[in-house]
Amino acid sequence: MAWEEAKIKVNGVDVEGYVNELLVECPMPEDMKELKSLTVNGKAVTIGAYEVDIRDNRLKIILEIPGGTQKEAKSDGESTKG
């Protein structure tokens, strides 16, 4: 899936950013000390983890997986050859 533009609300502050499945990237609002709430395109989402890129004050956010579990990759026991 490609990155798509999104309307994001960080701690109640509207910003423009990008979403790629469970990844969100957007500018960090001024005076933000902690990420408490996040809305993407009008839908509240649960934050799994985040970091601040201090070089350009951008938030890089990983959303929590819906249902709380991650699917394991299944193997058919055959190796792939290129």
C-alpha atoms as a PDB file:
ATOM      1  CA  MET A   1       0.000   0.000   0.000  1.00  0.00           C
ATOM      2  CA  ALA A   2       1.280   3.478  -0.848  1.00  0.00           C
ATOM      3  CA  TRP A   3       1.386   6.524   1.396  1.00  0.00           C
ATOM      4  CA  GLU A   4      -1.852   8.533   1.264  1.00  0.00           C
ATOM      5  CA  GLU A   5      -2.552  12.078   2.429  1.00  0.00           C
ATOM      6  CA  ALA A   6      -4.690  12.247   5.567  1.00  0.00           C
ATOM      7  CA  LYS A   7      -6.280  14.778   7.896  1.00  0.00           C
ATOM      8  CA  ILE A   8      -4.825  14.083  11.301  1.00  0.00           C
ATOM      9  CA  LYS A   9      -5.648  15.463  14.717  1.00  0.00           C
ATOM     10  CA  VAL A  10      -2.841  15.199  17.291  1.00  0.00           C
ATOM     11  CA  ASN A  11      -3.937  16.007  20.862  1.00  0.00           C
ATOM     12  CA  GLY A  12      -6.796  18.038  19.364  1.00  0.00           C
ATOM     13  CA  VAL A  13      -4.598  19.995  16.915  1.00  0.00           C
ATOM     14  CA  ASP A  14      -5.334  19.621  13.178  1.00  0.00           C
ATOM     15  CA  VAL A  15      -2.348  18.772  10.967  1.00  0.00           C
ATOM     16  CA  GLU A  16      -1.851  17.356   7.489  1.00  0.00           C
ATOM     17  CA  GLY A  17       0.059  14.106   7.242  1.00  0.00           C
ATOM     18  CA  TYR A  18       0.411  10.740   5.563  1.00  0.00           C
ATOM     19  CA  VAL A  19      -0.838   7.224   6.334  1.00  0.00           C
ATOM     20  CA  ASN A  20       0.427   3.858   5.109  1.00  0.00           C
ATOM     21  CA  GLU A  21      -1.604   1.020   6.683  1.00  0.00           C
ATOM     22  CA  LEU A  22      -0.498   1.134  10.345  1.00  0.00           C
ATOM     23  CA  LEU A  23       2.064   3.929   9.929  1.00  0.00           C
ATOM     24  CA  VAL A  24       1.325   7.636  10.320  1.00  0.00           C
ATOM     25  CA  GLU A  25       3.712  10.535   9.710  1.00  0.00           C
ATOM     26  CA  CYS A  26       2.848  14.164  10.417  1.00  0.00           C
ATOM     27  CA  PRO A  27       4.253  17.424  11.804  1.00  0.00           C
ATOM     28  CA  MET A  28       4.497  17.637  15.579  1.00  0.00           C
ATOM     29  CA  PRO A  29       2.271  20.373  17.057  1.00  0.00           C
ATOM     30  CA  GLU A  30       4.095  23.134  18.950  1.00  0.00           C
ATOM     31  CA  ASP A  31       4.443  22.633  22.712  1.00  0.00           C
ATOM     32  CA  MET A  32       3.540  18.930  22.502  1.00  0.00           C
ATOM     33  CA  LYS A  33       5.094  17.060  25.399  1.00  0.00           C
ATOM     34  CA  GLU A  34       3.336  13.699  25.009  1.00  0.00           C
ATOM     35  CA  LEU A  35       1.121  12.086  22.372  1.00  0.00           C
ATOM     36  CA  LYS A  36      -2.196  11.451  24.114  1.00  0.00           C
ATOM     37  CA  SER A  37      -4.773  11.192  21.328  1.00  0.00           C
ATOM     38  CA  LEU A  38      -4.777  10.669  17.578  1.00  0.00           C
ATOM     39  CA  THR A  39      -7.509  10.886  14.971  1.00  0.00           C
ATOM     40  CA  VAL A  40      -6.944   9.934  11.321  1.00  0.00           C
ATOM     41  CA  ASN A  41      -9.523  11.103   8.765  1.00  0.00           C
ATOM     42  CA  GLY A  42     -12.072  11.619  11.543  1.00  0.00           C
ATOM     43  CA  LYS A  43     -11.578   8.178  13.126  1.00  0.00           C
ATOM     44  CA  ALA A  44      -9.989   7.780  16.575  1.00  0.00           C
ATOM     45  CA  VAL A  45      -7.114   5.298  16.453  1.00  0.00           C
ATOM     46  CA  THR A  46      -5.039   3.575  19.130  1.00  0.00           C
ATOM     47  CA  ILE A  47      -1.354   4.453  19.304  1.00  0.00           C
ATOM     48  CA  GLY A  48       1.020   1.507  19.493  1.00  0.00           C
ATOM     49  CA  ALA A  49       4.275   3.485  19.587  1.00  0.00           C
ATOM     50  CA  TYR A  50       5.707   6.754  18.350  1.00  0.00           C
ATOM     51  CA  GLU A  51       8.911   8.712  18.027  1.00  0.00           C
ATOM     52  CA  VAL A  52       9.774  12.313  17.286  1.00  0.00           C
ATOM     53  CA  ASP A  53      12.235  13.040  14.503  1.00  0.00           C
ATOM     54  CA  ILE A  54      13.912  16.092  16.054  1.00  0.00           C
ATOM     55  CA  ARG A  55      15.647  17.038  12.805  1.00  0.00           C
ATOM     56  CA  ASP A  56      12.389  18.324  11.359  1.00  0.00           C
ATOM     57  CA  ASN A  57       9.903  17.978  14.285  1.00  0.00           C
ATOM     58  CA  ARG A  58       7.873  15.199  12.706  1.00  0.00           C
ATOM     59  CA  LEU A  59       5.966  12.435  14.442  1.00  0.00           C
ATOM     60  CA  LYS A  60       6.396   8.870  13.249  1.00  0.00           C
ATOM     61  CA  ILE A  61       3.562   6.795  14.699  1.00  0.00           C
ATOM     62  CA  ILE A  62       2.817   3.087  14.632  1.00  0.00           C
ATOM     63  CA  LEU A  63      -0.844   2.312  15.193  1.00  0.00           C
ATOM     64  CA  GLU A  64      -1.977  -0.603  17.303  1.00  0.00           C
ATOM     65  CA  ILE A  65      -3.114  -3.590  15.274  1.00  0.00           C
ATOM     66  CA  PRO A  66      -6.930  -3.958  15.296  1.00  0.00           C
ATOM     67  CA  GLY A  67      -7.846  -6.940  17.460  1.00  0.00           C
ATOM     68  CA  GLY A  68      -4.524  -6.718  19.276  1.00  0.00           C
ATOM     69  CA  THR A  69      -2.761  -9.615  17.580  1.00  0.00           C
ATOM     70  CA  GLN A  70      -0.427  -9.830  14.671  1.00  0.00           C
ATOM     71  CA  LYS A  71      -0.773 -12.572  12.085  1.00  0.00           C
ATOM     72  CA  GLU A  72       2.202 -14.857  11.859  1.00  0.00           C
ATOM     73  CA  ALA A  73       3.686 -15.563   8.487  1.00  0.00           C
ATOM     74  CA  LYS A  74       2.811 -19.072   7.383  1.00  0.00           C
ATOM     75  CA  SER A  75       5.286 -21.266   5.585  1.00  0.00           C
ATOM     76  CA  ASP A  76       4.475 -24.140   3.277  1.00  0.00           C
ATOM     77  CA  GLY A  77       7.886 -25.633   4.007  1.00  0.00           C
ATOM     78  CA  GLU A  78       9.230 -24.947   0.513  1.00  0.00           C
ATOM     79  CA  SER A  79      12.107 -22.597  -0.119  1.00  0.00           C
ATOM     80  CA  THR A  80      11.845 -19.924  -2.747  1.00  0.00           C
ATOM     81  CA  LYS A  81      14.462 -19.639  -5.435  1.00  0.00           C
ATOM     82  CA  GLY A  82      15.196 -16.544  -7.515  1.00  0.00           C
END
